[in-house]
Every structure is written in structure tokens, then in C-alpha cells.
């Protein structure tokens, strides 16, 4: 549903997903028990594109 709403409003859904993922990564880095230098992400097809765009 969010995907369809994004398209109807003229947004690229990939950009919205990347924004969400980057906020999640920021949250993880803020946690004491998480080593922020060792956070990884991988994916296939769309997930690969998504992972690539989420990298710093």
C-alpha cells in the first residue's frame, strides 16, 4: 500500500525505503551494544540495489 501511495504522490518508493533503512542504521549505531563499524547488509535483485544505496 505504501508503494502505491508513493507512486501516486510522485515519490520514488526506493528512495523512501532507503530513507527508512538509513534511519534504522543510525539507530543501531547509537546503541552501545552494537559495533557501528560492523553493520552489514546484502540483497539480491531489488534487495541488492537497495543494499548498495544504503551503504555510506
C-alpha atoms as a PDB file:
ATOM      1  CA  UNK A   1       0.000   0.000   0.000  1.00  0.00           C
ATOM      2  CA  UNK A   2       2.827   2.418   0.840  1.00  0.00           C
ATOM      3  CA  UNK A   3       4.439   1.591  -2.518  1.00  0.00           C
ATOM      4  CA  UNK A   4       1.273   2.548  -4.409  1.00  0.00           C
ATOM      5  CA  UNK A   5       0.741   5.725  -2.367  1.00  0.00           C
ATOM      6  CA  UNK A   6       4.344   6.780  -3.018  1.00  0.00           C
ATOM      7  CA  UNK A   7       3.894   6.362  -6.762  1.00  0.00           C
ATOM      8  CA  UNK A   8       0.598   8.251  -6.744  1.00  0.00           C
ATOM      9  CA  UNK A   9       2.224  11.122  -4.832  1.00  0.00           C
ATOM     10  CA  UNK A  10       5.151  11.226  -7.272  1.00  0.00           C
ATOM     11  CA  UNK A  11       7.764   9.716  -4.959  1.00  0.00           C
ATOM     12  CA  UNK A  12      10.223   7.000  -5.873  1.00  0.00           C
ATOM     13  CA  UNK A  13       9.484   4.097  -3.470  1.00  0.00           C
ATOM     14  CA  UNK A  14      13.161   3.069  -3.470  1.00  0.00           C
ATOM     15  CA  UNK A  15      14.096   6.459  -2.009  1.00  0.00           C
ATOM     16  CA  UNK A  16      11.555   6.039   0.798  1.00  0.00           C
ATOM     17  CA  UNK A  17      12.891   2.552   1.594  1.00  0.00           C
ATOM     18  CA  UNK A  18      16.471   3.821   1.625  1.00  0.00           C
ATOM     19  CA  UNK A  19      15.499   6.666   3.960  1.00  0.00           C
ATOM     20  CA  UNK A  20      13.899   4.139   6.355  1.00  0.00           C
ATOM     21  CA  UNK A  21      16.941   1.854   6.249  1.00  0.00           C
ATOM     22  CA  UNK A  22      19.359   4.698   6.911  1.00  0.00           C
ATOM     23  CA  UNK A  23      17.304   5.754   9.953  1.00  0.00           C
ATOM     24  CA  UNK A  24      17.464   2.141  11.214  1.00  0.00           C
ATOM     25  CA  UNK A  25      21.237   2.066  10.731  1.00  0.00           C
ATOM     26  CA  UNK A  26      21.584   5.352  12.635  1.00  0.00           C
ATOM     27  CA  UNK A  27      19.545   3.867  15.470  1.00  0.00           C
ATOM     28  CA  UNK A  28      21.702   0.731  15.570  1.00  0.00           C
ATOM     29  CA  UNK A  29      24.877   2.838  15.642  1.00  0.00           C
ATOM     30  CA  UNK A  30      23.511   4.770  18.625  1.00  0.00           C
ATOM     31  CA  UNK A  31      23.214   1.569  20.684  1.00  0.00           C
ATOM     32  CA  UNK A  32      26.139   0.776  22.995  1.00  0.00           C
ATOM     33  CA  UNK A  33      25.939  -2.959  22.367  1.00  0.00           C
ATOM     34  CA  UNK A  34      26.271  -2.560  18.569  1.00  0.00           C
ATOM     35  CA  UNK A  35      29.621  -2.059  16.827  1.00  0.00           C
ATOM     36  CA  UNK A  36      28.676   0.542  14.213  1.00  0.00           C
ATOM     37  CA  UNK A  37      31.662  -0.389  12.033  1.00  0.00           C
ATOM     38  CA  UNK A  38      30.390  -3.946  11.614  1.00  0.00           C
ATOM     39  CA  UNK A  39      26.840  -3.398  10.373  1.00  0.00           C
ATOM     40  CA  UNK A  40      26.271  -5.176   7.069  1.00  0.00           C
ATOM     41  CA  UNK A  41      23.519  -5.513   4.519  1.00  0.00           C
ATOM     42  CA  UNK A  42      23.066  -7.696   1.462  1.00  0.00           C
ATOM     43  CA  UNK A  43      20.354  -8.480  -1.030  1.00  0.00           C
ATOM     44  CA  UNK A  44      19.507  -9.999  -4.389  1.00  0.00           C
ATOM     45  CA  UNK A  45      17.881  -8.185  -7.313  1.00  0.00           C
ATOM     46  CA  UNK A  46      15.924  -5.239  -5.847  1.00  0.00           C
ATOM     47  CA  UNK A  47      17.465  -6.018  -2.458  1.00  0.00           C
ATOM     48  CA  UNK A  48      20.952  -5.697  -3.959  1.00  0.00           C
ATOM     49  CA  UNK A  49      20.118  -2.273  -5.360  1.00  0.00           C
ATOM     50  CA  UNK A  50      18.594  -1.339  -2.020  1.00  0.00           C
ATOM     51  CA  UNK A  51      21.681  -2.509  -0.085  1.00  0.00           C
ATOM     52  CA  UNK A  52      24.036  -0.660  -2.440  1.00  0.00           C
ATOM     53  CA  UNK A  53      22.180   2.627  -1.997  1.00  0.00           C
ATOM     54  CA  UNK A  54      22.116   2.230   1.797  1.00  0.00           C
ATOM     55  CA  UNK A  55      25.888   1.995   2.072  1.00  0.00           C
ATOM     56  CA  UNK A  56      27.776   5.122   3.165  1.00  0.00           C
END
